[in-house]
């Protein structure tokens, strides 16, 4: 990706959790990411559980449970339904 080249954020794919953590830490620093960054295991367990294919919008509750899952996107996205779910889960 051109932006990665410009920002000098180029890494080979990590093969261990430790390598993944190191790459993520470097990206957070170099890209000045200020929001919390969470890391999946090298086995991508979270990705496998929550991946939306095709694309979906999810709302995850504080307890880690799915509170809202949109219809497949992009045409199934209804931001009004997501807004309702956000309001009812505050």
PDB file of N, CA and C in Angstrom:
ATOM      1  N   UNK A   1       0.830  -1.166   0.000  1.00  0.00           N
ATOM      2  CA  UNK A   1       0.000   0.000   0.000  1.00  0.00           C
ATOM      3  C   UNK A   1       0.882   1.238   0.000  1.00  0.00           C
ATOM      4  N   UNK A   2       0.554   2.195  -0.829  1.00  0.00           N
ATOM      5  CA  UNK A   2       1.363   3.399  -0.941  1.00  0.00           C
ATOM      6  C   UNK A   2       1.484   4.143   0.388  1.00  0.00           C
ATOM      7  N   UNK A   3       0.390   4.233   1.137  1.00  0.00           N
ATOM      8  CA  UNK A   3       0.449   4.951   2.410  1.00  0.00           C
ATOM      9  C   UNK A   3       1.406   4.263   3.383  1.00  0.00           C
ATOM     10  N   UNK A   4       1.477   2.948   3.354  1.00  0.00           N
ATOM     11  CA  UNK A   4       2.413   2.228   4.222  1.00  0.00           C
ATOM     12  C   UNK A   4       3.858   2.531   3.837  1.00  0.00           C
ATOM     13  N   UNK A   5       4.113   2.615   2.557  1.00  0.00           N
ATOM     14  CA  UNK A   5       5.462   2.943   2.088  1.00  0.00           C
ATOM     15  C   UNK A   5       5.824   4.353   2.536  1.00  0.00           C
ATOM     16  N   UNK A   6       4.905   5.289   2.348  1.00  0.00           N
ATOM     17  CA  UNK A   6       5.144   6.681   2.735  1.00  0.00           C
ATOM     18  C   UNK A   6       5.417   6.804   4.230  1.00  0.00           C
ATOM     19  N   UNK A   7       4.693   6.067   5.049  1.00  0.00           N
ATOM     20  CA  UNK A   7       4.822   6.145   6.508  1.00  0.00           C
ATOM     21  C   UNK A   7       5.891   5.195   7.063  1.00  0.00           C
ATOM     22  N   UNK A   8       6.553   4.452   6.174  1.00  0.00           N
ATOM     23  CA  UNK A   8       7.573   3.474   6.582  1.00  0.00           C
ATOM     24  C   UNK A   8       7.004   2.430   7.547  1.00  0.00           C
ATOM     25  N   UNK A   9       5.824   1.937   7.211  1.00  0.00           N
ATOM     26  CA  UNK A   9       5.175   0.901   8.004  1.00  0.00           C
ATOM     27  C   UNK A   9       5.082  -0.349   7.123  1.00  0.00           C
ATOM     28  N   UNK A  10       6.205  -1.018   7.004  1.00  0.00           N
ATOM     29  CA  UNK A  10       6.295  -2.218   6.176  1.00  0.00           C
ATOM     30  C   UNK A  10       6.853  -3.354   7.014  1.00  0.00           C
ATOM     31  N   UNK A  11       6.121  -4.455   7.081  1.00  0.00           N
ATOM     32  CA  UNK A  11       6.528  -5.599   7.886  1.00  0.00           C
ATOM     33  C   UNK A  11       6.194  -6.876   7.135  1.00  0.00           C
ATOM     34  N   UNK A  12       6.967  -7.921   7.399  1.00  0.00           N
ATOM     35  CA  UNK A  12       6.575  -9.228   6.873  1.00  0.00           C
ATOM     36  C   UNK A  12       5.476  -9.758   7.786  1.00  0.00           C
ATOM     37  N   UNK A  13       4.699 -10.700   7.295  1.00  0.00           N
ATOM     38  CA  UNK A  13       3.618 -11.256   8.101  1.00  0.00           C
ATOM     39  C   UNK A  13       4.183 -11.927   9.348  1.00  0.00           C
ATOM     40  N   UNK A  14       3.666 -11.572  10.513  1.00  0.00           N
ATOM     41  CA  UNK A  14       4.159 -12.206  11.746  1.00  0.00           C
ATOM     42  C   UNK A  14       3.767 -13.678  11.784  1.00  0.00           C
ATOM     43  N   UNK A  15       4.594 -14.468  12.471  1.00  0.00           N
ATOM     44  CA  UNK A  15       4.345 -15.911  12.568  1.00  0.00           C
ATOM     45  C   UNK A  15       4.059 -16.369  13.992  1.00  0.00           C
ATOM     46  N   UNK A  16       4.248 -15.461  14.962  1.00  0.00           N
ATOM     47  CA  UNK A  16       3.980 -15.801  16.358  1.00  0.00           C
ATOM     48  C   UNK A  16       3.209 -14.652  16.999  1.00  0.00           C
ATOM     49  N   UNK A  17       2.605 -14.926  18.153  1.00  0.00           N
ATOM     50  CA  UNK A  17       1.902 -13.870  18.883  1.00  0.00           C
ATOM     51  C   UNK A  17       2.857 -12.734  19.240  1.00  0.00           C
ATOM     52  N   UNK A  18       4.089 -13.087  19.597  1.00  0.00           N
ATOM     53  CA  UNK A  18       5.075 -12.070  19.975  1.00  0.00           C
ATOM     54  C   UNK A  18       5.423 -11.176  18.793  1.00  0.00           C
ATOM     55  N   UNK A  19       5.622 -11.770  17.613  1.00  0.00           N
ATOM     56  CA  UNK A  19       5.902 -10.974  16.419  1.00  0.00           C
ATOM     57  C   UNK A  19       4.709 -10.085  16.079  1.00  0.00           C
ATOM     58  N   UNK A  20       3.498 -10.621  16.216  1.00  0.00           N
ATOM     59  CA  UNK A  20       2.300  -9.833  15.922  1.00  0.00           C
ATOM     60  C   UNK A  20       2.198  -8.645  16.871  1.00  0.00           C
ATOM     61  N   UNK A  21       2.478  -8.866  18.139  1.00  0.00           N
ATOM     62  CA  UNK A  21       2.434  -7.779  19.125  1.00  0.00           C
ATOM     63  C   UNK A  21       3.471  -6.708  18.799  1.00  0.00           C
ATOM     64  N   UNK A  22       4.649  -7.128  18.376  1.00  0.00           N
ATOM     65  CA  UNK A  22       5.704  -6.183  18.018  1.00  0.00           C
ATOM     66  C   UNK A  22       5.297  -5.338  16.815  1.00  0.00           C
ATOM     67  N   UNK A  23       4.741  -5.973  15.795  1.00  0.00           N
ATOM     68  CA  UNK A  23       4.290  -5.249  14.603  1.00  0.00           C
ATOM     69  C   UNK A  23       3.175  -4.275  14.974  1.00  0.00           C
ATOM     70  N   UNK A  24       2.222  -4.736  15.757  1.00  0.00           N
ATOM     71  CA  UNK A  24       1.100  -3.873  16.155  1.00  0.00           C
ATOM     72  C   UNK A  24       1.599  -2.672  16.947  1.00  0.00           C
ATOM     73  N   UNK A  25       2.509  -2.905  17.858  1.00  0.00           N
ATOM     74  CA  UNK A  25       3.068  -1.823  18.661  1.00  0.00           C
ATOM     75  C   UNK A  25       3.762  -0.795  17.779  1.00  0.00           C
ATOM     76  N   UNK A  26       4.529  -1.261  16.812  1.00  0.00           N
ATOM     77  CA  UNK A  26       5.205  -0.352  15.885  1.00  0.00           C
ATOM     78  C   UNK A  26       4.203   0.458  15.070  1.00  0.00           C
ATOM     79  N   UNK A  27       3.154  -0.199  14.590  1.00  0.00           N
ATOM     80  CA  UNK A  27       2.138   0.508  13.802  1.00  0.00           C
ATOM     81  C   UNK A  27       1.432   1.565  14.638  1.00  0.00           C
ATOM     82  N   UNK A  28       1.100   1.220  15.865  1.00  0.00           N
ATOM     83  CA  UNK A  28       0.430   2.184  16.749  1.00  0.00           C
ATOM     84  C   UNK A  28       1.313   3.417  16.932  1.00  0.00           C
ATOM     85  N   UNK A  29       2.599   3.197  17.176  1.00  0.00           N
ATOM     86  CA  UNK A  29       3.526   4.325  17.368  1.00  0.00           C
ATOM     87  C   UNK A  29       3.706   5.134  16.093  1.00  0.00           C
ATOM     88  N   UNK A  30       4.033   4.458  14.994  1.00  0.00           N
ATOM     89  CA  UNK A  30       4.348   5.158  13.749  1.00  0.00           C
ATOM     90  C   UNK A  30       3.147   5.873  13.143  1.00  0.00           C
ATOM     91  N   UNK A  31       1.970   5.308  13.331  1.00  0.00           N
ATOM     92  CA  UNK A  31       0.760   5.907  12.753  1.00  0.00           C
ATOM     93  C   UNK A  31       0.026   6.800  13.746  1.00  0.00           C
ATOM     94  N   UNK A  32       0.595   6.959  14.939  1.00  0.00           N
ATOM     95  CA  UNK A  32       0.014   7.841  15.969  1.00  0.00           C
ATOM     96  C   UNK A  32      -1.443   7.478  16.268  1.00  0.00           C
ATOM     97  N   UNK A  33      -1.693   6.187  16.413  1.00  0.00           N
ATOM     98  CA  UNK A  33      -3.042   5.706  16.713  1.00  0.00           C
ATOM     99  C   UNK A  33      -3.322   5.994  18.180  1.00  0.00           C
ATOM    100  N   UNK A  34      -4.421   6.693  18.442  1.00  0.00           N
ATOM    101  CA  UNK A  34      -4.727   7.108  19.812  1.00  0.00           C
ATOM    102  C   UNK A  34      -5.878   6.337  20.437  1.00  0.00           C
ATOM    103  N   UNK A  35      -6.554   5.493  19.667  1.00  0.00           N
ATOM    104  CA  UNK A  35      -7.629   4.683  20.234  1.00  0.00           C
ATOM    105  C   UNK A  35      -7.033   3.351  20.692  1.00  0.00           C
ATOM    106  N   UNK A  36      -7.678   2.666  21.627  1.00  0.00           N
ATOM    107  CA  UNK A  36      -7.137   1.378  22.076  1.00  0.00           C
ATOM    108  C   UNK A  36      -7.024   0.391  20.906  1.00  0.00           C
ATOM    109  N   UNK A  37      -5.924  -0.301  20.841  1.00  0.00           N
ATOM    110  CA  UNK A  37      -5.710  -1.307  19.798  1.00  0.00           C
ATOM    111  C   UNK A  37      -5.742  -2.678  20.460  1.00  0.00           C
ATOM    112  N   UNK A  38      -6.584  -3.545  19.949  1.00  0.00           N
ATOM    113  CA  UNK A  38      -6.687  -4.908  20.469  1.00  0.00           C
ATOM    114  C   UNK A  38      -6.049  -5.854  19.478  1.00  0.00           C
ATOM    115  N   UNK A  39      -5.511  -6.939  19.986  1.00  0.00           N
ATOM    116  CA  UNK A  39      -4.755  -7.865  19.169  1.00  0.00           C
ATOM    117  C   UNK A  39      -5.405  -9.243  19.171  1.00  0.00           C
ATOM    118  N   UNK A  40      -5.595  -9.798  18.006  1.00  0.00           N
ATOM    119  CA  UNK A  40      -6.076 -11.171  17.882  1.00  0.00           C
ATOM    120  C   UNK A  40      -4.868 -12.106  18.016  1.00  0.00           C
ATOM    121  N   UNK A  41      -5.128 -13.341  18.374  1.00  0.00           N
ATOM    122  CA  UNK A  41      -4.037 -14.314  18.439  1.00  0.00           C
ATOM    123  C   UNK A  41      -3.574 -14.637  17.022  1.00  0.00           C
ATOM    124  N   UNK A  42      -2.429 -15.250  16.920  1.00  0.00           N
ATOM    125  CA  UNK A  42      -1.874 -15.597  15.614  1.00  0.00           C
ATOM    126  C   UNK A  42      -2.790 -16.582  14.880  1.00  0.00           C
ATOM    127  N   UNK A  43      -3.637 -17.303  15.633  1.00  0.00           N
ATOM    128  CA  UNK A  43      -4.596 -18.234  15.007  1.00  0.00           C
ATOM    129  C   UNK A  43      -5.839 -17.511  14.501  1.00  0.00           C
ATOM    130  N   UNK A  44      -5.946 -16.204  14.772  1.00  0.00           N
ATOM    131  CA  UNK A  44      -7.072 -15.370  14.312  1.00  0.00           C
ATOM    132  C   UNK A  44      -8.420 -15.872  14.824  1.00  0.00           C
ATOM    133  N   UNK A  45      -8.470 -16.256  16.083  1.00  0.00           N
ATOM    134  CA  UNK A  45      -9.714 -16.796  16.658  1.00  0.00           C
ATOM    135  C   UNK A  45     -10.840 -15.769  16.664  1.00  0.00           C
ATOM    136  N   UNK A  46     -10.533 -14.526  17.017  1.00  0.00           N
ATOM    137  CA  UNK A  46     -11.568 -13.489  17.049  1.00  0.00           C
ATOM    138  C   UNK A  46     -12.069 -13.217  15.636  1.00  0.00           C
ATOM    139  N   UNK A  47     -11.154 -13.140  14.695  1.00  0.00           N
ATOM    140  CA  UNK A  47     -11.561 -12.924  13.301  1.00  0.00           C
ATOM    141  C   UNK A  47     -12.506 -14.029  12.845  1.00  0.00           C
ATOM    142  N   UNK A  48     -12.183 -15.274  13.185  1.00  0.00           N
ATOM    143  CA  UNK A  48     -13.027 -16.398  12.773  1.00  0.00           C
ATOM    144  C   UNK A  48     -14.413 -16.315  13.404  1.00  0.00           C
ATOM    145  N   UNK A  49     -14.497 -15.859  14.658  1.00  0.00           N
ATOM    146  CA  UNK A  49     -15.776 -15.768  15.355  1.00  0.00           C
ATOM    147  C   UNK A  49     -16.634 -14.603  14.879  1.00  0.00           C
ATOM    148  N   UNK A  50     -15.998 -13.471  14.604  1.00  0.00           N
ATOM    149  CA  UNK A  50     -16.754 -12.240  14.343  1.00  0.00           C
ATOM    150  C   UNK A  50     -16.670 -11.746  12.912  1.00  0.00           C
ATOM    151  N   UNK A  51     -15.965 -12.467  12.072  1.00  0.00           N
ATOM    152  CA  UNK A  51     -15.833 -11.972  10.712  1.00  0.00           C
ATOM    153  C   UNK A  51     -17.202 -11.867  10.055  1.00  0.00           C
ATOM    154  N   UNK A  52     -17.375 -10.827   9.327  1.00  0.00           N
ATOM    155  CA  UNK A  52     -18.619 -10.640   8.599  1.00  0.00           C
ATOM    156  C   UNK A  52     -18.356 -10.833   7.122  1.00  0.00           C
ATOM    157  N   UNK A  53     -18.811 -11.920   6.581  1.00  0.00           N
ATOM    158  CA  UNK A  53     -18.594 -12.138   5.167  1.00  0.00           C
ATOM    159  C   UNK A  53     -19.871 -12.544   4.533  1.00  0.00           C
ATOM    160  N   UNK A  54     -20.480 -11.738   3.740  1.00  0.00           N
ATOM    161  CA  UNK A  54     -19.971 -10.428   3.330  1.00  0.00           C
ATOM    162  C   UNK A  54     -19.984  -9.439   4.494  1.00  0.00           C
ATOM    163  N   UNK A  55     -19.554  -8.218   4.226  1.00  0.00           N
ATOM    164  CA  UNK A  55     -19.436  -7.187   5.262  1.00  0.00           C
ATOM    165  C   UNK A  55     -20.707  -7.068   6.084  1.00  0.00           C
ATOM    166  N   UNK A  56     -20.525  -6.813   7.372  1.00  0.00           N
ATOM    167  CA  UNK A  56     -21.637  -6.570   8.292  1.00  0.00           C
ATOM    168  C   UNK A  56     -21.227  -5.512   9.296  1.00  0.00           C
ATOM    169  N   UNK A  57     -22.209  -4.910   9.915  1.00  0.00           N
ATOM    170  CA  UNK A  57     -21.976  -4.003  11.034  1.00  0.00           C
ATOM    171  C   UNK A  57     -22.311  -4.764  12.303  1.00  0.00           C
ATOM    172  N   UNK A  58     -21.446  -4.670  13.306  1.00  0.00           N
ATOM    173  CA  UNK A  58     -21.662  -5.343  14.581  1.00  0.00           C
ATOM    174  C   UNK A  58     -21.635  -4.335  15.711  1.00  0.00           C
ATOM    175  N   UNK A  59     -22.413  -4.603  16.735  1.00  0.00           N
ATOM    176  CA  UNK A  59     -22.315  -3.896  18.003  1.00  0.00           C
ATOM    177  C   UNK A  59     -22.031  -4.964  19.050  1.00  0.00           C
ATOM    178  N   UNK A  60     -20.892  -4.820  19.723  1.00  0.00           N
ATOM    179  CA  UNK A  60     -20.482  -5.780  20.749  1.00  0.00           C
ATOM    180  C   UNK A  60     -20.716  -5.135  22.107  1.00  0.00           C
ATOM    181  N   UNK A  61     -21.456  -5.810  22.982  1.00  0.00           N
ATOM    182  CA  UNK A  61     -21.743  -5.286  24.314  1.00  0.00           C
ATOM    183  C   UNK A  61     -20.529  -5.334  25.221  1.00  0.00           C
ATOM    184  N   UNK A  62     -20.622  -4.640  26.333  1.00  0.00           N
ATOM    185  CA  UNK A  62     -19.525  -4.626  27.303  1.00  0.00           C
ATOM    186  C   UNK A  62     -19.209  -6.026  27.820  1.00  0.00           C
ATOM    187  N   UNK A  63     -20.181  -6.914  27.736  1.00  0.00           N
ATOM    188  CA  UNK A  63     -19.970  -8.287  28.191  1.00  0.00           C
ATOM    189  C   UNK A  63     -19.340  -9.166  27.106  1.00  0.00           C
ATOM    190  N   UNK A  64     -19.041  -8.563  25.938  1.00  0.00           N
ATOM    191  CA  UNK A  64     -18.415  -9.305  24.850  1.00  0.00           C
ATOM    192  C   UNK A  64     -19.384 -10.031  23.938  1.00  0.00           C
ATOM    193  N   UNK A  65     -20.679  -9.907  24.205  1.00  0.00           N
ATOM    194  CA  UNK A  65     -21.679 -10.586  23.380  1.00  0.00           C
ATOM    195  C   UNK A  65     -22.154  -9.680  22.256  1.00  0.00           C
ATOM    196  N   UNK A  66     -22.527 -10.287  21.148  1.00  0.00           N
ATOM    197  CA  UNK A  66     -23.035  -9.518  20.009  1.00  0.00           C
ATOM    198  C   UNK A  66     -24.422  -8.991  20.366  1.00  0.00           C
ATOM    199  N   UNK A  67     -24.596  -7.682  20.282  1.00  0.00           N
ATOM    200  CA  UNK A  67     -25.877  -7.036  20.572  1.00  0.00           C
ATOM    201  C   UNK A  67     -26.613  -6.630  19.306  1.00  0.00           C
ATOM    202  N   UNK A  68     -25.888  -6.487  18.209  1.00  0.00           N
ATOM    203  CA  UNK A  68     -26.499  -6.130  16.934  1.00  0.00           C
ATOM    204  C   UNK A  68     -25.623  -6.672  15.815  1.00  0.00           C
ATOM    205  N   UNK A  69     -26.260  -7.222  14.799  1.00  0.00           N
ATOM    206  CA  UNK A  69     -25.557  -7.707  13.607  1.00  0.00           C
ATOM    207  C   UNK A  69     -26.411  -7.325  12.411  1.00  0.00           C
ATOM    208  N   UNK A  70     -25.836  -6.519  11.515  1.00  0.00           N
ATOM    209  CA  UNK A  70     -26.604  -6.047  10.364  1.00  0.00           C
ATOM    210  C   UNK A  70     -26.805  -7.168   9.349  1.00  0.00           C
ATOM    211  N   UNK A  71     -27.652  -6.880   8.396  1.00  0.00           N
ATOM    212  CA  UNK A  71     -27.781  -7.744   7.229  1.00  0.00           C
ATOM    213  C   UNK A  71     -26.480  -7.599   6.417  1.00  0.00           C
ATOM    214  N   UNK A  72     -26.208  -8.533   5.505  1.00  0.00           N
ATOM    215  CA  UNK A  72     -24.992  -8.418   4.703  1.00  0.00           C
ATOM    216  C   UNK A  72     -24.939  -7.086   3.959  1.00  0.00           C
ATOM    217  N   UNK A  73     -23.754  -6.519   3.910  1.00  0.00           N
ATOM    218  CA  UNK A  73     -23.561  -5.219   3.278  1.00  0.00           C
ATOM    219  C   UNK A  73     -23.013  -5.363   1.883  1.00  0.00           C
ATOM    220  N   UNK A  74     -22.869  -4.245   1.254  1.00  0.00           N
ATOM    221  CA  UNK A  74     -23.167  -2.924   1.789  1.00  0.00           C
ATOM    222  C   UNK A  74     -24.642  -2.559   1.709  1.00  0.00           C
ATOM    223  N   UNK A  75     -25.426  -3.279   0.915  1.00  0.00           N
ATOM    224  CA  UNK A  75     -26.821  -2.890   0.724  1.00  0.00           C
ATOM    225  C   UNK A  75     -27.708  -3.243   1.906  1.00  0.00           C
ATOM    226  N   UNK A  76     -27.245  -4.134   2.775  1.00  0.00           N
ATOM    227  CA  UNK A  76     -28.026  -4.503   3.947  1.00  0.00           C
ATOM    228  C   UNK A  76     -27.767  -3.618   5.153  1.00  0.00           C
ATOM    229  N   UNK A  77     -26.840  -2.671   5.027  1.00  0.00           N
ATOM    230  CA  UNK A  77     -26.542  -1.783   6.152  1.00  0.00           C
ATOM    231  C   UNK A  77     -27.705  -0.823   6.363  1.00  0.00           C
ATOM    232  N   UNK A  78     -28.184  -0.756   7.582  1.00  0.00           N
ATOM    233  CA  UNK A  78     -29.226   0.204   7.944  1.00  0.00           C
ATOM    234  C   UNK A  78     -28.759   0.902   9.213  1.00  0.00           C
ATOM    235  N   UNK A  79     -28.192   2.067   9.048  1.00  0.00           N
ATOM    236  CA  UNK A  79     -27.611   2.776  10.185  1.00  0.00           C
ATOM    237  C   UNK A  79     -28.662   3.169  11.214  1.00  0.00           C
ATOM    238  N   UNK A  80     -29.907   3.286  10.795  1.00  0.00           N
ATOM    239  CA  UNK A  80     -30.974   3.590  11.774  1.00  0.00           C
ATOM    240  C   UNK A  80     -31.128   2.441  12.766  1.00  0.00           C
ATOM    241  N   UNK A  81     -31.047   1.216  12.270  1.00  0.00           N
ATOM    242  CA  UNK A  81     -31.147   0.059  13.170  1.00  0.00           C
ATOM    243  C   UNK A  81     -29.943  -0.017  14.100  1.00  0.00           C
ATOM    244  N   UNK A  82     -28.763   0.305  13.584  1.00  0.00           N
ATOM    245  CA  UNK A  82     -27.575   0.338  14.428  1.00  0.00           C
ATOM    246  C   UNK A  82     -27.720   1.426  15.490  1.00  0.00           C
ATOM    247  N   UNK A  83     -28.212   2.594  15.116  1.00  0.00           N
ATOM    248  CA  UNK A  83     -28.416   3.684  16.083  1.00  0.00           C
ATOM    249  C   UNK A  83     -29.399   3.258  17.173  1.00  0.00           C
ATOM    250  N   UNK A  84     -30.470   2.567  16.806  1.00  0.00           N
ATOM    251  CA  UNK A  84     -31.436   2.064  17.796  1.00  0.00           C
ATOM    252  C   UNK A  84     -30.760   1.087  18.752  1.00  0.00           C
ATOM    253  N   UNK A  85     -29.950   0.185  18.193  1.00  0.00           N
ATOM    254  CA  UNK A  85     -29.242  -0.789  19.028  1.00  0.00           C
ATOM    255  C   UNK A  85     -28.276  -0.087  19.984  1.00  0.00           C
ATOM    256  N   UNK A  86     -27.591   0.943  19.507  1.00  0.00           N
ATOM    257  CA  UNK A  86     -26.702   1.705  20.355  1.00  0.00           C
ATOM    258  C   UNK A  86     -27.474   2.352  21.508  1.00  0.00           C
ATOM    259  N   UNK A  87     -28.603   2.970  21.192  1.00  0.00           N
ATOM    260  CA  UNK A  87     -29.416   3.628  22.218  1.00  0.00           C
ATOM    261  C   UNK A  87     -29.912   2.629  23.267  1.00  0.00           C
ATOM    262  N   UNK A  88     -30.333   1.473  22.811  1.00  0.00           N
ATOM    263  CA  UNK A  88     -30.893   0.493  23.767  1.00  0.00           C
ATOM    264  C   UNK A  88     -29.802  -0.228  24.557  1.00  0.00           C
ATOM    265  N   UNK A  89     -28.543  -0.100  24.141  1.00  0.00           N
ATOM    266  CA  UNK A  89     -27.472  -0.790  24.845  1.00  0.00           C
ATOM    267  C   UNK A  89     -26.547   0.156  25.613  1.00  0.00           C
ATOM    268  N   UNK A  90     -26.942   1.412  25.723  1.00  0.00           N
ATOM    269  CA  UNK A  90     -26.120   2.365  26.504  1.00  0.00           C
ATOM    270  C   UNK A  90     -26.296   2.146  27.974  1.00  0.00           C
TER     271      UNK A  90
END
